[in-house]
Amino acid sequence: MTELLIRKDRRAGRMTFNRPQALNALSHEMARTIHRTLDEWRDDDSVDLVIIDAEGDRAFCAGGDIAAVYASGKAGDHALGKRFFFDEYRMNAAIADYPKPIVAFMQGFVMGGGVGVGGHASHRIVGDTTRVAMPESGIGLIPDVGGSWLLSRAPGRIGEYLMMTADRMGPGDAIHAGFADTYLPEAEWPALIDELAESGDVSAISGRTPPAAPLADADLSAFGAATVAGIEKRLAEQGQDDIIKTVRRNSPLSMAAGLRLVREARADRQIQDSLAREYRFTNRATEHSDFIEGVRAQIIDKDRRPNWTADASPQAVDAMLAPLGDEELHFDREEALQ
């Protein structure tokens, strides 16, 4: 089965995730194909816009397919993970900066790598089943694929809250937090896709009033504390024990690094700055973080009992986010890491 269906449909370039049995998880080759196809369509006068959607009811894309990254990292080969994240982040930036409209139809789970595709499109459509989340800290990673860029631009302290809790946003919250633009019941998506392909004109997009956004009224003031420990202290003072339990299930290193990433991204002028900072962590992740243990516990063995051992001190965060020299993520040349 072809993982990603690529074709032209009248005035539209079409990409459809086609791994519904795997919740349309994004593989390395899928990321490379998306980037390559966008490059091909950039100067193609027969393509006025790009439509990205997915087969199946359960997920647009529930994350990256990291089984191979886990296996190679566990065996001591860290190059595969570096290449995967390097290529994926360059694809994320290509979507964000694309000169033609990209319309993403995001049903079901939209997590991690799925946010990296749909969340950076110019026109982001969600429906009643949509559930958006950045759950990377639960596998010992950080909010990547440009997640720190999006989280940093959410109102108030929603960014810190979502990073630390991996809370799943429905369509109303996704729009309020800046992860989506338009709500439209999913039964109406096929007609809109047909109209977009026929006209090549995004003015055909007309949404409905979105559902309520509970996060808009939530008291997230605790997440303004300077450190993870400070946030937990404020949550305890507010009697938010359930949130504290959620936060403490995650990798302490991921929590500390993710908090810094979201806050530093608020000063970034372009998504490439945020992606490059995220890559400093993920470049080192299979060797120096809790990533291998987190994937084992949550995805491989599924015992949900990770044994977090990575140092989470400020010095350790500094080391994980330090410049990479010749291995820094870049966007100006086409070669990948060897």
Protein backbone atom coordinates (compact mmCIF):
# COMPACT_ATOMS: atom_id res chain seq x y z
CA MET A 1 0.00 0.00 0.00
CA THR A 2 1.27 3.46 -0.90
CA GLU A 3 1.77 5.42 2.33
CA LEU A 4 1.15 8.80 0.73
CA LEU A 5 -1.12 9.31 -2.27
CA ILE A 6 0.17 12.06 -4.58
CA ARG A 7 -1.75 13.34 -7.59
CA LYS A 8 -3.08 16.41 -9.36
CA ASP A 9 -6.81 17.02 -9.29
CA ARG A 10 -7.85 19.80 -11.65
CA ARG A 11 -6.34 23.00 -10.15
CA ALA A 12 -5.10 21.32 -6.97
CA GLY A 13 -2.12 19.27 -5.96
CA ARG A 14 -3.37 16.52 -3.65
CA MET A 15 -1.55 14.68 -0.86
CA THR A 16 -3.42 12.08 1.17
CA PHE A 17 -2.02 10.17 4.14
CA ASN A 18 -2.81 6.52 3.48
CA ARG A 19 -1.80 4.57 6.58
CA PRO A 20 -5.10 4.53 8.49
CA GLN A 21 -4.19 1.26 10.22
CA ALA A 22 -1.17 3.10 11.73
CA LEU A 23 -3.15 6.27 12.47
CA ASN A 24 -1.39 7.76 9.44
CA ALA A 25 1.91 7.99 11.30
CA LEU A 26 4.49 9.99 9.38
CA SER A 27 7.44 7.91 8.17
CA HIS A 28 10.81 9.30 7.12
CA GLU A 29 10.07 8.62 3.46
CA MET A 30 6.67 10.32 3.72
CA ALA A 31 8.33 13.46 5.09
CA ARG A 32 10.85 13.46 2.26
CA THR A 33 8.12 12.87 -0.33
CA ILE A 34 6.04 15.77 0.95
CA HIS A 35 9.02 18.11 0.72
CA ARG A 36 10.06 16.86 -2.70
CA THR A 37 6.52 17.16 -4.08
CA LEU A 38 6.08 20.68 -2.76
CA ASP A 39 9.30 21.64 -4.53
CA GLU A 40 7.97 20.15 -7.78
CA TRP A 41 4.66 22.00 -7.51
CA ARG A 42 6.16 25.33 -6.46
CA ASP A 43 6.61 26.56 -10.06
CA ASP A 44 3.97 24.35 -11.66
CA ASP A 45 1.37 26.67 -13.19
CA SER A 46 -1.20 23.87 -13.25
CA VAL A 47 -1.22 23.78 -9.43
CA ASP A 48 -2.94 26.76 -7.77
CA LEU A 49 -3.16 25.27 -4.29
CA VAL A 50 -2.29 22.14 -2.33
CA ILE A 51 -4.77 20.00 -0.39
CA ILE A 52 -3.53 17.67 2.35
CA ASP A 53 -5.98 15.19 3.86
CA ALA A 54 -6.01 11.65 5.21
CA GLU A 55 -7.75 8.31 4.83
CA GLY A 56 -9.66 6.90 7.80
CA ASP A 57 -11.82 8.34 10.52
CA ARG A 58 -9.44 8.09 13.46
CA ALA A 59 -6.52 10.31 12.53
CA PHE A 60 -5.15 12.92 10.18
CA CYS A 61 -1.70 11.96 11.49
CA ALA A 62 -1.12 10.82 15.05
CA GLY A 63 2.63 11.47 15.04
CA GLY A 64 5.94 10.38 13.61
CA ASP A 65 6.73 6.74 12.91
CA ILE A 66 9.75 6.53 15.20
CA ALA A 67 10.09 2.76 15.60
CA ALA A 68 13.15 2.68 13.32
CA VAL A 69 14.69 5.64 15.15
CA TYR A 70 14.19 3.81 18.45
CA ALA A 71 15.65 0.54 17.16
CA SER A 72 18.75 2.12 15.67
CA GLY A 73 19.34 4.35 18.69
CA LYS A 74 18.99 1.41 21.06
CA ALA A 75 21.62 -0.41 18.98
CA GLY A 76 23.99 2.56 19.30
CA ASP A 77 23.38 4.01 15.82
CA HIS A 78 22.31 7.63 16.30
CA ALA A 79 22.66 8.74 12.68
CA LEU A 80 19.22 7.51 11.59
CA GLY A 81 17.44 9.65 14.16
CA LYS A 82 19.44 12.70 13.18
CA ARG A 83 18.54 12.21 9.51
CA PHE A 84 14.86 11.65 10.29
CA PHE A 85 14.47 14.83 12.33
CA PHE A 86 16.68 16.83 9.95
CA ASP A 87 14.54 15.97 6.94
CA GLU A 88 11.24 16.27 8.81
CA TYR A 89 11.97 19.77 10.12
CA ARG A 90 13.04 21.01 6.70
CA MET A 91 9.70 19.74 5.39
CA ASN A 92 7.86 21.57 8.19
CA ALA A 93 9.55 24.83 7.23
CA ALA A 94 8.74 24.26 3.55
CA ILE A 95 5.03 23.99 4.42
CA ALA A 96 5.11 27.10 6.60
CA ASP A 97 6.79 29.22 3.91
CA TYR A 98 5.10 27.78 0.83
CA PRO A 99 4.19 30.47 -1.73
CA LYS A 100 0.90 28.80 -2.69
CA PRO A 101 -2.02 28.09 -0.36
CA ILE A 102 -1.91 24.76 1.48
CA VAL A 103 -5.24 23.56 2.85
CA ALA A 104 -5.12 20.86 5.54
CA PHE A 105 -8.21 18.87 6.52
CA MET A 106 -7.45 17.51 9.99
CA GLN A 107 -9.82 14.92 11.45
CA GLY A 108 -9.29 12.73 14.48
CA PHE A 109 -5.89 12.65 16.11
CA VAL A 110 -3.50 15.40 15.05
CA MET A 111 -0.41 14.92 17.17
CA GLY A 112 3.31 15.59 16.95
CA GLY A 113 4.32 14.97 13.36
CA GLY A 114 0.73 15.58 12.26
CA VAL A 115 0.86 19.05 13.78
CA GLY A 116 4.12 19.56 11.89
CA VAL A 117 2.26 19.04 8.62
CA GLY A 118 -1.23 20.41 9.17
CA GLY A 119 -0.40 22.97 11.82
CA HIS A 120 1.85 24.99 9.50
CA ALA A 121 -0.50 25.01 6.50
CA SER A 122 -1.90 28.37 5.43
CA HIS A 123 -5.52 27.16 5.79
CA ARG A 124 -6.16 24.68 8.61
CA ILE A 125 -9.59 23.07 8.81
CA VAL A 126 -10.84 21.06 11.79
CA GLY A 127 -14.06 19.17 12.52
CA ASP A 128 -15.90 17.64 15.44
CA THR A 129 -13.58 14.63 15.81
CA THR A 130 -10.37 16.68 15.76
CA ARG A 131 -8.09 16.23 18.75
CA VAL A 132 -4.82 18.17 18.62
CA ALA A 133 -1.94 17.56 21.03
CA MET A 134 1.81 17.79 21.47
CA PRO A 135 2.54 14.71 23.65
CA GLU A 136 6.29 14.44 23.06
CA SER A 137 7.35 14.92 26.68
CA GLY A 138 5.70 11.61 27.50
CA ILE A 139 8.25 9.81 25.32
CA GLY A 140 11.23 11.80 26.53
CA LEU A 141 11.26 14.23 23.62
CA ILE A 142 10.31 17.92 23.35
CA PRO A 143 7.61 19.76 21.36
CA ASP A 144 9.30 19.64 17.98
CA VAL A 145 8.25 19.88 14.28
CA GLY A 146 7.80 23.61 14.91
CA GLY A 147 5.62 22.88 17.92
CA SER A 148 7.54 25.32 20.09
CA TRP A 149 6.78 28.04 17.50
CA LEU A 150 3.03 27.33 17.63
CA LEU A 151 2.92 26.90 21.40
CA SER A 152 4.82 30.14 21.95
CA ARG A 153 2.14 32.03 20.04
CA ALA A 154 -0.84 30.62 21.90
CA PRO A 155 -2.62 33.14 24.16
CA GLY A 156 -1.49 33.55 27.74
CA ARG A 157 0.12 30.45 29.25
CA ILE A 158 -1.69 27.95 27.01
CA GLY A 159 1.63 27.06 25.36
CA GLU A 160 3.28 26.02 28.60
CA TYR A 161 0.15 24.16 29.69
CA LEU A 162 -0.13 22.15 26.48
CA MET A 163 3.58 21.34 26.44
CA MET A 164 3.55 20.04 30.00
CA THR A 165 0.21 18.18 30.01
CA ALA A 166 -0.21 17.01 26.38
CA ASP A 167 -3.86 17.96 26.76
CA ARG A 168 -5.92 17.17 23.66
CA MET A 169 -7.63 20.17 22.12
CA GLY A 170 -10.97 19.89 20.42
CA PRO A 171 -11.76 22.11 17.42
CA GLY A 172 -12.70 25.16 19.46
CA ASP A 173 -9.54 25.10 21.55
CA ALA A 174 -7.38 24.32 18.50
CA ILE A 175 -8.63 27.48 16.81
CA HIS A 176 -8.33 29.56 19.98
CA ALA A 177 -4.75 28.37 20.58
CA GLY A 178 -3.69 29.12 16.98
CA PHE A 179 -3.31 25.52 15.78
CA ALA A 180 -6.22 25.78 13.32
CA ASP A 181 -8.23 28.42 11.48
CA THR A 182 -11.63 27.09 10.40
CA TYR A 183 -14.26 24.80 11.85
CA LEU A 184 -16.41 22.84 9.40
CA PRO A 185 -18.39 19.66 10.10
CA GLU A 186 -16.59 16.76 8.46
CA ALA A 187 -19.63 15.75 6.41
CA GLU A 188 -19.08 18.96 4.43
CA TRP A 189 -15.40 18.37 3.69
CA PRO A 190 -15.78 16.35 0.46
CA ALA A 191 -17.85 19.09 -1.17
CA LEU A 192 -15.34 21.77 -0.16
CA ILE A 193 -12.41 19.69 -1.41
CA ASP A 194 -14.19 19.26 -4.74
CA GLU A 195 -14.85 22.98 -4.99
CA LEU A 196 -11.23 23.84 -4.14
CA ALA A 197 -9.92 21.42 -6.75
CA GLU A 198 -12.29 22.80 -9.36
CA SER A 199 -11.67 26.49 -8.70
CA GLY A 200 -8.15 26.55 -7.24
CA ASP A 201 -9.43 29.41 -5.09
CA VAL A 202 -9.26 29.35 -1.28
CA SER A 203 -12.00 31.97 -1.07
CA ALA A 204 -14.30 28.94 -1.34
CA ILE A 205 -13.45 28.13 2.31
CA SER A 206 -16.30 29.19 4.56
CA GLY A 207 -16.49 27.83 8.05
CA ARG A 208 -19.08 27.62 10.78
CA THR A 209 -19.04 29.05 14.28
CA PRO A 210 -16.60 26.82 16.17
CA PRO A 211 -17.52 24.90 19.32
CA ALA A 212 -16.62 26.30 22.71
CA ALA A 213 -12.97 26.71 23.67
CA PRO A 214 -12.61 25.71 27.34
CA LEU A 215 -8.98 26.84 27.43
CA ALA A 216 -10.08 30.40 26.77
CA ASP A 217 -11.52 30.60 30.28
CA ALA A 218 -9.12 28.29 32.13
CA ASP A 219 -6.93 29.65 34.91
CA LEU A 220 -3.44 28.73 33.73
CA SER A 221 -1.60 31.31 35.80
CA ALA A 222 0.45 28.61 37.52
CA PHE A 223 2.23 27.98 34.23
CA GLY A 224 3.78 31.42 34.38
CA ALA A 225 6.25 30.32 37.06
CA ALA A 226 9.90 30.37 36.05
CA THR A 227 10.66 26.66 36.45
CA VAL A 228 8.95 23.29 36.36
CA ALA A 229 9.28 23.07 40.14
CA GLY A 230 7.77 26.53 40.48
CA ILE A 231 4.85 25.56 38.27
CA GLU A 232 4.23 22.44 40.34
CA LYS A 233 4.35 24.51 43.53
CA ARG A 234 1.73 26.92 42.21
CA LEU A 235 -0.45 24.06 41.00
CA ALA A 236 -0.25 22.51 44.48
CA GLU A 237 -1.30 25.82 46.03
CA GLN A 238 -4.30 25.85 43.69
CA GLY A 239 -5.22 22.27 44.53
CA GLN A 240 -4.58 21.09 40.96
CA ASP A 241 -3.38 17.63 41.97
CA ASP A 242 -4.57 15.91 38.79
CA ILE A 243 -2.51 18.26 36.62
CA ILE A 244 0.54 17.70 38.85
CA LYS A 245 0.19 13.93 38.37
CA THR A 246 0.02 14.42 34.61
CA VAL A 247 3.12 16.59 34.57
CA ARG A 248 5.09 14.17 36.74
CA ARG A 249 4.45 11.29 34.35
CA ASN A 250 6.65 13.03 31.79
CA SER A 251 10.43 13.08 31.48
CA PRO A 252 11.84 15.76 33.83
CA LEU A 253 14.48 16.65 31.23
CA SER A 254 11.81 17.03 28.57
CA MET A 255 9.75 19.24 30.86
CA ALA A 256 12.65 21.55 31.62
CA ALA A 257 13.91 21.73 28.03
CA GLY A 258 10.42 22.10 26.60
CA LEU A 259 9.64 24.98 28.93
CA ARG A 260 12.76 26.79 27.76
CA LEU A 261 12.02 26.06 24.10
CA VAL A 262 8.50 27.47 24.24
CA ARG A 263 9.62 30.61 26.03
CA GLU A 264 12.64 31.26 23.84
CA ALA A 265 10.51 30.78 20.72
CA ARG A 266 8.42 33.81 21.69
CA ALA A 267 11.28 35.99 20.50
CA ASP A 268 11.79 34.14 17.22
CA ARG A 269 11.11 36.03 14.01
CA GLN A 270 10.63 32.93 11.83
CA ILE A 271 9.76 29.27 12.31
CA GLN A 272 13.24 28.25 11.17
CA ASP A 273 14.68 29.70 14.38
CA SER A 274 12.39 27.52 16.50
CA LEU A 275 13.02 24.40 14.40
CA ALA A 276 16.79 24.85 14.61
CA ARG A 277 16.60 25.11 18.41
CA GLU A 278 14.36 22.03 18.62
CA TYR A 279 16.81 20.10 16.44
CA ARG A 280 19.62 20.70 18.89
CA PHE A 281 17.68 18.54 21.36
CA THR A 282 16.46 15.88 18.95
CA ASN A 283 19.87 15.55 17.30
CA ARG A 284 21.12 14.38 20.70
CA ALA A 285 17.94 12.66 21.84
CA THR A 286 18.69 8.99 21.14
CA GLU A 287 22.05 9.27 22.91
CA HIS A 288 21.64 11.73 25.75
CA SER A 289 17.98 12.01 26.77
CA ASP A 290 15.11 9.83 28.04
CA PHE A 291 13.85 9.25 24.49
CA ILE A 292 14.80 5.57 24.16
CA GLU A 293 13.23 4.70 27.51
CA GLY A 294 10.14 6.78 26.79
CA VAL A 295 9.50 5.09 23.45
CA ARG A 296 10.07 1.70 25.04
CA ALA A 297 7.53 2.34 27.77
CA GLN A 298 4.86 4.06 25.71
CA ILE A 299 5.13 2.49 22.25
CA ILE A 300 7.24 -0.70 22.24
CA ASP A 301 6.46 -2.54 25.50
CA LYS A 302 3.45 -0.33 26.31
CA ASP A 303 3.85 -0.87 30.03
CA ARG A 304 3.42 2.89 30.57
CA ARG A 305 6.08 2.75 33.31
CA PRO A 306 9.10 4.70 32.06
CA ASN A 307 12.16 4.86 34.26
CA TRP A 308 13.36 8.41 33.69
CA THR A 309 17.08 8.71 34.40
CA ALA A 310 18.32 11.67 32.34
CA ASP A 311 19.77 14.63 34.21
CA ALA A 312 17.23 17.49 34.22
CA SER A 313 19.46 20.16 35.77
CA PRO A 314 19.82 23.59 34.11
CA GLN A 315 23.30 22.52 33.04
CA ALA A 316 21.91 19.41 31.33
CA VAL A 317 19.31 21.51 29.50
CA ASP A 318 22.08 23.87 28.41
CA ALA A 319 24.00 20.90 27.01
CA MET A 320 20.98 19.52 25.13
CA LEU A 321 20.24 22.90 23.55
CA ALA A 322 23.82 23.95 22.83
CA PRO A 323 24.78 24.77 19.22
CA LEU A 324 25.68 21.77 17.04
CA GLY A 325 28.43 23.31 14.95
CA ASP A 326 28.60 21.64 11.54
CA GLU A 327 25.47 19.60 12.32
CA GLU A 328 23.17 22.59 12.90
CA LEU A 329 19.85 22.37 11.08
CA HIS A 330 19.91 24.50 7.95
CA PHE A 331 17.45 25.35 5.20
CA ASP A 332 19.59 26.81 2.43
CA ARG A 333 20.92 23.65 0.75
CA GLU A 334 19.34 20.38 -0.30
CA GLU A 335 21.79 17.85 1.07
CA ALA A 336 20.86 15.74 4.08
CA LEU A 337 23.11 14.53 6.85
CA GLN A 338 25.27 11.64 5.75
